[in-house]
Amino acid sequence: MRGEPSVLHVDLDAFFAAVEQRDKPSLRGKPVVVGGIGLRGVVSTASYEARKYGVRSAMSTAEARSRCPHAAYLGPRFEVYRRTSQAVMAEMRALSPLVEPLSLDEAFIDLSAAGITGLTDDDVQAIAQDLKAAITKASGGLTASVGAGTSKLIAKIASDLDKPDGVVVVPAGTEADFLAPMQVTVIPGVGPATAQRLSMAGVRTVADLQQLSEEELVRQVGSAHGTSLHRLAIAADDRPVVSDRETKSVSVEDTFETDIIDRQLLAAIADRMAHRVAERLGKAQLSGRTVTVKTRMHDFTTHTRSSTLAGPTDDPRVIARVARRLLEDSDISGGIRLLGVGVSSLADWIQDDLFTDLEHDDTPLEVVELPERTRDLAGYYPGQDVVHPDHGRGWVWGSGLGRVTVRFETADSPPGPVRTFAVDDPALSKALLSPEDEPTDT
């Protein structure tokens, strides 16, 4: 256990929605929902204005619309999010060389790797405030919440306690007391299924959990899970901050002797691949949030489709179901010569029991089905960047019935005017950030 709160967890507040509000002045201070906008769409991120109406991540878009019909419902702009994330991560790495990205919008930072020692709680508070100011400047106005503690567990939990735009520093030596009054579900890996089993044993808070011996926990939830929960309940977390997490993924792929056009066969192959990926994740004690399916077609063009879960998992059933869903959306009419399944956005804790009830459940899995590239969406979609030679840059307000409505404004302009065009108007085109952002198949 560290003797000072030198681990930071930085979490950008409502990241996707905040980027949209930054770039679309007319949406600032208003409810914004980013995610799948179709009938089977799922919310990826909701702005805090939308959360007041009960909209949350992983909720179906249909339910979100019923709760907050006046929100702006936008498709994702991943290239913009990635570029903003890179600017933010650069500020973190300027503070310490040891940064572990968990996703585009959150990361751990190890202050001790920067040679900063003898930190007081006030020192850490000041460092966190300075970092937040640097992030806001680098990102064009986004805010972040920061938690600081002697471990990754404490830092991550602390970052959730004063959102948005807050800082919580947990002094060394107070970790167990800090956790004690919280609901047991605050511990990573305690989802609804585990919480129900613990509740039957009278365990509802972390304080209750702290009273159980390791042997009792093992009897309640199994050997591996029980041992882990016992350590985390008393804040015994010595996991290191790992700087290369951003680039790590676990994947399996295979090239076929003949092109395959049988969807049932491809689904069976994807299932086997998902189980192999899950085995590798388990051996490495990792889990991941993003499932990717890679297909190489008969003409050697290669496509990838990804979905992001609400929490990390290494459950083969979950990975297989997401992979099958992604494969169902792929055009295989010409045949597939290569298929791959992978998991990324890795973490070293698991929330798979959030999904244990899905094994015999026929309802759709709550995943965010968002394409990696804007070219995967035909035509125009709400939120998409466009440009017009006379009106300049803008974004799609809505489209349908052969028309597309655009609001012309940028992050640096006041709220702009709205114009409607024919969907095939040659003067209106999809805008790119810059030439190097031209989408290509990989």
Protein backbone atom coordinates (compact mmCIF):
# COMPACT_ATOMS: atom_id res chain seq x y z
CA MET A 1 0.00 0.00 0.00
CA ARG A 2 1.34 3.42 -0.94
CA GLY A 3 1.96 5.97 1.75
CA GLU A 4 0.52 8.88 -0.25
CA PRO A 5 -2.41 9.39 -2.68
CA SER A 6 -0.22 9.33 -5.79
CA VAL A 7 -2.63 7.53 -8.15
CA LEU A 8 -5.06 9.74 -10.08
CA HIS A 9 -8.10 8.64 -12.05
CA VAL A 10 -9.20 11.23 -14.59
CA ASP A 11 -12.66 10.93 -16.13
CA LEU A 12 -13.87 13.40 -18.75
CA ASP A 13 -17.42 14.45 -17.94
CA ALA A 14 -20.09 13.16 -20.38
CA PHE A 15 -17.33 13.11 -22.97
CA PHE A 16 -19.07 12.43 -26.29
CA ALA A 17 -21.98 14.74 -25.44
CA ALA A 18 -19.63 17.44 -24.12
CA VAL A 19 -17.66 17.40 -27.39
CA GLU A 20 -20.91 17.83 -29.32
CA GLN A 21 -21.92 20.77 -27.13
CA ARG A 22 -18.47 22.30 -27.57
CA ASP A 23 -18.69 22.11 -31.36
CA LYS A 24 -22.38 23.01 -31.66
CA PRO A 25 -23.07 26.33 -29.87
CA SER A 26 -26.83 25.98 -30.24
CA LEU A 27 -26.73 22.83 -28.05
CA ARG A 28 -24.82 24.29 -25.11
CA GLY A 29 -26.79 24.00 -21.90
CA LYS A 30 -29.36 21.75 -23.59
CA PRO A 31 -29.99 17.98 -23.41
CA VAL A 32 -27.79 16.04 -25.84
CA VAL A 33 -27.76 12.27 -26.38
CA VAL A 34 -25.08 10.53 -28.46
CA GLY A 35 -25.46 6.95 -29.65
CA GLY A 36 -27.41 4.76 -32.00
CA ILE A 37 -30.30 6.77 -33.44
CA GLY A 38 -32.20 3.94 -35.14
CA LEU A 39 -35.00 1.75 -33.81
CA ARG A 40 -32.50 -0.58 -32.09
CA GLY A 41 -30.13 2.20 -31.05
CA VAL A 42 -28.60 2.45 -27.62
CA VAL A 43 -27.40 5.52 -25.74
CA SER A 44 -23.64 5.88 -25.55
CA THR A 45 -23.44 9.17 -23.63
CA ALA A 46 -26.00 11.62 -22.29
CA SER A 47 -25.22 15.19 -21.28
CA TYR A 48 -25.93 16.18 -17.70
CA GLU A 49 -28.93 18.15 -18.92
CA ALA A 50 -30.37 14.93 -20.37
CA ARG A 51 -29.50 12.90 -17.26
CA LYS A 52 -31.88 15.07 -15.24
CA TYR A 53 -34.68 13.35 -17.17
CA GLY A 54 -33.38 9.87 -16.38
CA VAL A 55 -31.46 9.28 -19.61
CA ARG A 56 -28.34 7.17 -19.05
CA SER A 57 -25.71 5.20 -20.94
CA ALA A 58 -26.75 1.75 -22.24
CA MET A 59 -30.45 2.75 -22.22
CA SER A 60 -32.32 2.10 -25.45
CA THR A 61 -32.66 5.21 -27.57
CA ALA A 62 -36.41 4.59 -27.75
CA GLU A 63 -36.70 4.80 -23.96
CA ALA A 64 -34.43 7.85 -23.89
CA ARG A 65 -36.69 9.60 -26.41
CA SER A 66 -39.74 8.84 -24.29
CA ARG A 67 -38.05 10.33 -21.21
CA CYS A 68 -36.51 13.34 -22.94
CA PRO A 69 -38.17 13.92 -26.33
CA HIS A 70 -36.76 17.45 -26.65
CA ALA A 71 -33.10 16.36 -26.52
CA ALA A 72 -30.82 16.45 -29.54
CA TYR A 73 -30.15 12.85 -30.62
CA LEU A 74 -26.88 12.64 -32.50
CA GLY A 75 -24.81 9.93 -34.15
CA PRO A 76 -21.16 9.65 -33.11
CA ARG A 77 -18.13 11.42 -34.58
CA PHE A 78 -15.33 9.10 -33.53
CA GLU A 79 -12.53 10.93 -35.32
CA VAL A 80 -13.36 14.11 -33.42
CA TYR A 81 -13.51 12.23 -30.12
CA ARG A 82 -10.17 10.56 -30.81
CA ARG A 83 -8.46 13.83 -31.65
CA THR A 84 -9.81 15.47 -28.50
CA SER A 85 -8.76 12.46 -26.44
CA GLN A 86 -5.23 12.64 -27.83
CA ALA A 87 -4.94 16.28 -26.76
CA VAL A 88 -6.15 15.42 -23.26
CA MET A 89 -3.85 12.40 -22.92
CA ALA A 90 -0.91 14.59 -23.95
CA GLU A 91 -1.61 16.84 -20.96
CA MET A 92 -1.65 13.82 -18.67
CA ARG A 93 1.65 12.55 -20.06
CA ALA A 94 3.16 15.99 -19.55
CA LEU A 95 2.42 15.50 -15.85
CA SER A 96 3.72 11.93 -15.60
CA PRO A 97 5.28 9.45 -18.03
CA LEU A 98 3.11 6.68 -16.56
CA VAL A 99 -0.43 7.06 -17.89
CA GLU A 100 -2.82 4.14 -18.38
CA PRO A 101 -5.69 5.01 -20.74
CA LEU A 102 -8.82 2.93 -20.12
CA SER A 103 -10.82 4.43 -22.96
CA LEU A 104 -11.00 7.68 -24.90
CA ASP A 105 -12.31 9.54 -21.87
CA GLU A 106 -10.57 8.12 -18.82
CA ALA A 107 -7.12 7.18 -17.60
CA PHE A 108 -5.00 6.48 -14.54
CA ILE A 109 -1.90 8.57 -13.79
CA ASP A 110 0.94 7.52 -11.47
CA LEU A 111 2.45 10.64 -9.92
CA SER A 112 5.29 8.69 -8.35
CA ALA A 113 6.62 7.92 -11.84
CA ALA A 114 7.17 11.66 -12.30
CA GLY A 115 9.54 11.69 -9.36
CA ILE A 116 7.03 13.57 -7.21
CA THR A 117 7.45 12.36 -3.63
CA GLY A 118 6.42 13.50 -0.17
CA LEU A 119 3.00 14.51 -1.45
CA THR A 120 0.52 15.95 1.01
CA ASP A 121 -3.21 15.83 0.39
CA ASP A 122 -3.12 19.56 -0.39
CA ASP A 123 -0.32 18.98 -2.92
CA VAL A 124 -2.38 16.36 -4.73
CA GLN A 125 -5.44 18.62 -4.67
CA ALA A 126 -3.42 21.41 -6.29
CA ILE A 127 -1.91 19.06 -8.89
CA ALA A 128 -5.37 17.78 -9.80
CA GLN A 129 -6.78 21.30 -10.14
CA ASP A 130 -3.87 22.36 -12.37
CA LEU A 131 -4.36 19.25 -14.53
CA LYS A 132 -8.07 19.94 -14.88
CA ALA A 133 -7.32 23.50 -16.03
CA ALA A 134 -4.81 22.19 -18.59
CA ILE A 135 -7.36 19.65 -19.86
CA THR A 136 -10.02 22.32 -20.25
CA LYS A 137 -7.64 24.50 -22.25
CA ALA A 138 -6.33 21.67 -24.45
CA SER A 139 -9.80 20.27 -25.18
CA GLY A 140 -11.50 23.57 -25.95
CA GLY A 141 -13.59 23.75 -22.80
CA LEU A 142 -14.28 20.21 -21.59
CA THR A 143 -14.26 19.42 -17.89
CA ALA A 144 -12.92 16.40 -16.04
CA SER A 145 -13.49 14.82 -12.64
CA VAL A 146 -10.44 13.55 -10.76
CA GLY A 147 -10.09 11.06 -7.95
CA ALA A 148 -6.83 10.53 -6.07
CA GLY A 149 -5.83 7.72 -3.74
CA THR A 150 -3.21 5.18 -2.84
CA SER A 151 -4.55 2.67 -5.39
CA LYS A 152 -6.42 2.41 -8.66
CA LEU A 153 -9.52 1.18 -6.84
CA ILE A 154 -9.72 4.17 -4.52
CA ALA A 155 -8.85 6.71 -7.22
CA LYS A 156 -11.53 5.40 -9.60
CA ILE A 157 -14.26 5.34 -6.97
CA ALA A 158 -13.27 8.82 -5.76
CA SER A 159 -13.55 10.30 -9.26
CA ASP A 160 -17.28 9.43 -9.33
CA LEU A 161 -18.13 11.21 -6.09
CA ASP A 162 -18.05 14.85 -7.16
CA LYS A 163 -19.17 14.89 -10.78
CA PRO A 164 -19.02 16.89 -12.89
CA ASP A 165 -15.82 18.93 -12.65
CA GLY A 166 -14.81 17.79 -9.17
CA VAL A 167 -11.74 16.61 -7.29
CA VAL A 168 -11.79 14.08 -4.44
CA VAL A 169 -8.56 13.15 -2.63
CA VAL A 170 -8.68 10.17 -0.26
CA PRO A 171 -5.93 10.48 2.38
CA ALA A 172 -3.59 7.54 2.88
CA GLY A 173 -4.69 5.29 5.72
CA THR A 174 -8.40 6.13 5.42
CA GLU A 175 -9.24 3.80 2.52
CA ALA A 176 -11.25 1.17 4.42
CA ASP A 177 -13.25 3.83 6.25
CA PHE A 178 -13.81 5.64 2.96
CA LEU A 179 -15.32 2.52 1.40
CA ALA A 180 -17.26 1.26 4.43
CA PRO A 181 -20.54 3.23 4.11
CA MET A 182 -20.86 2.66 0.35
CA GLN A 183 -23.15 0.12 -1.28
CA VAL A 184 -21.35 -3.12 -2.03
CA THR A 185 -21.90 -2.56 -5.77
CA VAL A 186 -19.18 0.12 -5.68
CA ILE A 187 -16.61 -2.72 -5.65
CA PRO A 188 -15.59 -3.70 -9.22
CA GLY A 189 -17.06 -7.06 -10.13
CA VAL A 190 -20.12 -6.75 -7.88
CA GLY A 191 -23.00 -6.48 -10.30
CA PRO A 192 -26.66 -7.39 -9.76
CA ALA A 193 -26.09 -11.16 -9.61
CA THR A 194 -23.28 -11.02 -7.05
CA ALA A 195 -25.04 -8.27 -5.08
CA GLN A 196 -28.13 -10.47 -4.80
CA ARG A 197 -26.10 -13.40 -3.49
CA LEU A 198 -24.36 -11.16 -0.97
CA SER A 199 -27.65 -9.58 0.09
CA MET A 200 -29.01 -13.03 0.94
CA ALA A 201 -26.06 -13.30 3.33
CA GLY A 202 -26.91 -9.91 4.87
CA VAL A 203 -24.22 -8.00 3.00
CA ARG A 204 -25.38 -4.70 1.54
CA THR A 205 -22.58 -2.24 2.28
CA VAL A 206 -18.82 -2.49 2.03
CA ALA A 207 -18.75 -2.36 5.83
CA ASP A 208 -20.81 -5.56 5.85
CA LEU A 209 -18.41 -7.06 3.34
CA GLN A 210 -15.44 -6.12 5.48
CA GLN A 211 -16.87 -8.18 8.34
CA LEU A 212 -16.81 -11.41 6.34
CA SER A 213 -13.77 -13.64 6.29
CA GLU A 214 -12.20 -14.66 3.02
CA GLU A 215 -13.43 -18.22 3.58
CA GLU A 216 -17.04 -17.03 3.97
CA LEU A 217 -16.82 -14.91 0.81
CA VAL A 218 -15.44 -17.86 -1.13
CA ARG A 219 -18.43 -19.93 0.00
CA GLN A 220 -20.81 -17.20 -1.11
CA VAL A 221 -19.41 -16.25 -4.53
CA GLY A 222 -16.72 -18.78 -5.43
CA SER A 223 -12.98 -19.07 -5.03
CA ALA A 224 -11.49 -16.54 -7.45
CA HIS A 225 -14.23 -13.95 -7.01
CA GLY A 226 -14.35 -14.30 -3.22
CA THR A 227 -10.60 -13.83 -2.78
CA SER A 228 -10.65 -10.73 -4.99
CA LEU A 229 -13.64 -9.19 -3.20
CA HIS A 230 -12.07 -9.77 0.20
CA ARG A 231 -8.95 -7.85 -0.82
CA LEU A 232 -10.81 -5.01 -2.52
CA ALA A 233 -13.24 -4.56 0.39
CA ILE A 234 -10.33 -3.68 2.66
CA ALA A 235 -8.72 -1.58 -0.10
CA ALA A 236 -5.85 -4.04 -0.57
CA ASP A 237 -5.23 -3.13 -4.19
CA ASP A 238 -1.66 -3.21 -5.49
CA ARG A 239 -2.38 -3.22 -9.22
CA PRO A 240 0.22 -1.07 -11.00
CA VAL A 241 -0.54 1.69 -13.46
CA VAL A 242 0.37 0.20 -16.86
CA SER A 243 1.29 2.68 -19.56
CA ASP A 244 0.64 0.51 -22.63
CA ARG A 245 -3.01 -0.33 -21.89
CA GLU A 246 -4.19 1.91 -24.74
CA THR A 247 -2.62 -0.25 -27.43
CA LYS A 248 -3.44 -3.66 -25.96
CA SER A 249 -6.15 -5.90 -27.33
CA VAL A 250 -6.86 -9.60 -27.51
CA SER A 251 -8.03 -11.04 -30.80
CA VAL A 252 -8.34 -14.21 -32.86
CA GLU A 253 -8.70 -14.42 -36.63
CA ASP A 254 -8.61 -17.08 -39.31
CA THR A 255 -8.31 -17.15 -43.11
CA PHE A 256 -10.49 -19.72 -44.88
CA GLU A 257 -9.44 -21.94 -47.79
CA THR A 258 -12.66 -21.03 -49.62
CA ASP A 259 -14.86 -17.97 -49.23
CA ILE A 260 -17.78 -18.55 -46.86
CA ILE A 261 -21.28 -17.21 -47.55
CA ASP A 262 -23.18 -19.36 -45.02
CA ARG A 263 -24.24 -17.03 -42.17
CA GLN A 264 -24.96 -19.93 -39.82
CA LEU A 265 -21.46 -21.31 -40.31
CA LEU A 266 -19.89 -17.88 -39.84
CA ALA A 267 -21.87 -17.39 -36.63
CA ALA A 268 -20.59 -20.72 -35.31
CA ILE A 269 -17.01 -19.75 -36.17
CA ALA A 270 -17.47 -16.37 -34.47
CA ASP A 271 -18.75 -18.16 -31.34
CA ARG A 272 -15.63 -20.33 -31.20
CA MET A 273 -13.41 -17.30 -31.70
CA ALA A 274 -15.23 -15.44 -28.92
CA HIS A 275 -14.56 -18.32 -26.53
CA ARG A 276 -10.87 -18.35 -27.48
CA VAL A 277 -10.64 -14.60 -26.91
CA ALA A 278 -12.36 -15.01 -23.53
CA GLU A 279 -9.90 -17.72 -22.53
CA ARG A 280 -6.96 -15.44 -23.33
CA LEU A 281 -8.54 -12.58 -21.42
CA GLY A 282 -9.08 -14.86 -18.43
CA LYS A 283 -5.49 -16.08 -18.45
CA ALA A 284 -4.25 -12.48 -18.54
CA GLN A 285 -6.76 -11.42 -15.84
CA LEU A 286 -8.13 -8.77 -18.17
CA SER A 287 -11.54 -7.76 -19.43
CA GLY A 288 -12.63 -5.38 -22.17
CA ARG A 289 -15.46 -3.07 -23.17
CA THR A 290 -15.12 -3.00 -26.97
CA VAL A 291 -15.85 -6.03 -29.16
CA THR A 292 -14.66 -5.86 -32.77
CA VAL A 293 -15.43 -8.09 -35.74
CA LYS A 294 -13.04 -7.98 -38.69
CA THR A 295 -14.04 -9.32 -42.11
CA ARG A 296 -11.96 -9.60 -45.28
CA MET A 297 -14.16 -10.01 -48.30
CA HIS A 298 -13.78 -12.06 -51.47
CA ASP A 299 -12.26 -9.01 -53.20
CA PHE A 300 -9.72 -8.55 -50.36
CA THR A 301 -11.34 -5.39 -48.99
CA THR A 302 -11.28 -5.43 -45.19
CA HIS A 303 -13.91 -4.01 -42.85
CA THR A 304 -14.19 -3.68 -39.08
CA ARG A 305 -17.27 -3.10 -36.93
CA SER A 306 -17.20 -2.46 -33.20
CA SER A 307 -19.60 -2.25 -30.28
CA THR A 308 -18.90 -0.90 -26.82
CA LEU A 309 -20.41 -2.40 -23.67
CA ALA A 310 -21.47 -0.47 -20.61
CA GLY A 311 -18.77 -2.26 -18.57
CA PRO A 312 -15.78 -4.55 -19.10
CA THR A 313 -16.30 -8.30 -19.48
CA ASP A 314 -14.44 -11.52 -20.22
CA ASP A 315 -17.63 -13.59 -20.49
CA PRO A 316 -17.54 -15.65 -23.73
CA ARG A 317 -21.35 -15.55 -23.96
CA VAL A 318 -21.38 -11.76 -24.01
CA ILE A 319 -18.49 -11.50 -26.47
CA ALA A 320 -20.12 -14.10 -28.75
CA ARG A 321 -23.51 -12.37 -28.74
CA VAL A 322 -22.00 -9.01 -29.62
CA ALA A 323 -19.84 -10.58 -32.34
CA ARG A 324 -22.86 -12.30 -33.87
CA ARG A 325 -24.82 -9.05 -33.84
CA LEU A 326 -21.98 -7.25 -35.61
CA LEU A 327 -21.65 -10.06 -38.13
CA GLU A 328 -25.38 -9.93 -38.87
CA ASP A 329 -24.94 -6.32 -39.98
CA SER A 330 -22.16 -7.21 -42.43
CA ASP A 331 -22.74 -7.78 -46.14
CA ILE A 332 -21.39 -11.26 -46.87
CA SER A 333 -23.09 -11.79 -50.23
CA GLY A 334 -19.77 -12.06 -52.05
CA GLY A 335 -18.23 -14.36 -49.47
CA ILE A 336 -15.80 -13.86 -46.56
CA ARG A 337 -12.24 -15.14 -46.75
CA LEU A 338 -11.12 -13.96 -43.27
CA LEU A 339 -12.98 -13.50 -39.99
CA GLY A 340 -11.64 -12.11 -36.75
CA VAL A 341 -13.05 -11.36 -33.29
CA GLY A 342 -11.26 -9.11 -30.81
CA VAL A 343 -11.73 -7.29 -27.51
CA SER A 344 -10.10 -3.97 -26.63
CA SER A 345 -10.56 -1.04 -24.21
CA LEU A 346 -9.03 -3.37 -21.66
CA ALA A 347 -9.25 -3.16 -17.88
CA ASP A 348 -7.88 -5.35 -15.15
CA TRP A 349 -11.17 -5.83 -13.38
CA ILE A 350 -14.35 -7.48 -14.58
CA GLN A 351 -18.04 -6.60 -14.44
CA ASP A 352 -19.18 -9.69 -16.25
CA ASP A 353 -21.84 -10.63 -13.73
CA LEU A 354 -23.76 -7.65 -15.05
CA PHE A 355 -24.50 -9.98 -17.95
CA THR A 356 -24.87 -13.42 -16.36
CA ASP A 357 -28.63 -13.42 -16.77
CA LEU A 358 -28.23 -13.06 -20.54
CA GLU A 359 -27.35 -16.70 -21.13
CA HIS A 360 -31.00 -17.68 -21.53
CA ASP A 361 -32.33 -14.24 -22.33
CA ASP A 362 -33.68 -13.52 -25.81
CA THR A 363 -33.87 -9.75 -25.35
CA PRO A 364 -31.28 -7.63 -27.18
CA LEU A 365 -28.00 -7.16 -25.36
CA GLU A 366 -27.50 -3.59 -24.22
CA VAL A 367 -24.57 -2.61 -26.39
CA VAL A 368 -23.74 0.58 -28.19
CA GLU A 369 -23.74 -0.40 -31.84
CA LEU A 370 -21.76 2.45 -33.34
CA PRO A 371 -19.74 2.19 -36.56
CA GLU A 372 -16.04 2.99 -36.41
CA ARG A 373 -16.26 5.21 -39.48
CA THR A 374 -18.86 7.65 -40.71
CA ARG A 375 -18.83 5.90 -44.11
CA ASP A 376 -20.63 2.97 -42.48
CA LEU A 377 -23.76 5.09 -42.28
CA ALA A 378 -25.52 5.71 -45.59
CA GLY A 379 -26.49 9.27 -46.44
CA TYR A 380 -26.60 11.90 -43.71
CA TYR A 381 -27.19 11.38 -40.01
CA PRO A 382 -27.91 13.86 -37.18
CA GLY A 383 -24.75 15.43 -35.81
CA GLN A 384 -22.63 14.73 -38.89
CA ASP A 385 -20.21 17.45 -40.06
CA VAL A 386 -20.97 18.95 -43.47
CA VAL A 387 -19.69 21.85 -45.54
CA HIS A 388 -21.27 24.15 -48.13
CA PRO A 389 -19.36 26.57 -50.41
CA ASP A 390 -21.69 29.47 -49.59
CA HIS A 391 -22.68 28.78 -45.97
CA GLY A 392 -19.47 27.23 -44.67
CA ARG A 393 -19.23 24.41 -42.12
CA GLY A 394 -22.21 23.06 -40.23
CA TRP A 395 -23.83 19.90 -38.92
CA VAL A 396 -26.84 17.83 -39.84
CA TRP A 397 -29.92 18.75 -37.83
CA GLY A 398 -32.04 16.04 -39.45
CA SER A 399 -32.66 14.20 -42.70
CA GLY A 400 -35.42 12.27 -44.42
CA LEU A 401 -37.90 12.37 -47.29
CA GLY A 402 -35.12 13.32 -49.68
CA ARG A 403 -34.05 16.38 -47.69
CA VAL A 404 -31.34 17.24 -45.21
CA THR A 405 -31.52 20.11 -42.72
CA VAL A 406 -28.28 21.74 -41.61
CA ARG A 407 -27.39 24.22 -38.89
CA PHE A 408 -24.37 26.23 -39.95
CA GLU A 409 -22.19 26.91 -36.95
CA THR A 410 -18.85 25.87 -35.47
CA ALA A 411 -17.25 25.75 -32.04
CA ASP A 412 -15.95 29.29 -32.55
CA SER A 413 -19.14 30.86 -33.89
CA PRO A 414 -22.41 31.90 -32.27
CA PRO A 415 -25.48 29.70 -32.81
CA GLY A 416 -26.00 29.63 -36.57
CA PRO A 417 -28.82 29.63 -39.10
CA VAL A 418 -30.70 26.52 -40.28
CA ARG A 419 -31.02 25.66 -43.97
CA THR A 420 -32.67 22.73 -45.80
CA PHE A 421 -31.29 21.12 -48.96
CA ALA A 422 -32.11 18.23 -51.26
CA VAL A 423 -30.22 15.19 -50.03
CA ASP A 424 -28.45 14.94 -53.39
CA ASP A 425 -27.54 18.64 -53.60
CA PRO A 426 -24.02 18.59 -55.10
CA ALA A 427 -23.01 21.72 -53.19
CA LEU A 428 -23.47 20.00 -49.82
CA SER A 429 -20.84 17.46 -48.78
CA LYS A 430 -19.64 15.57 -45.74
CA ALA A 431 -16.80 17.40 -44.02
CA LEU A 432 -13.57 15.89 -42.78
CA LEU A 433 -11.37 17.18 -39.99
CA SER A 434 -8.38 17.25 -42.32
CA PRO A 435 -7.04 15.25 -45.31
CA GLU A 436 -5.37 12.67 -43.07
CA ASP A 437 -8.77 11.84 -41.61
CA GLU A 438 -10.04 10.47 -44.92
CA PRO A 439 -11.63 7.16 -43.89
CA THR A 440 -10.17 3.96 -45.33
CA ASP A 441 -10.87 0.30 -44.83
CA THR A 442 -8.36 -1.45 -42.58
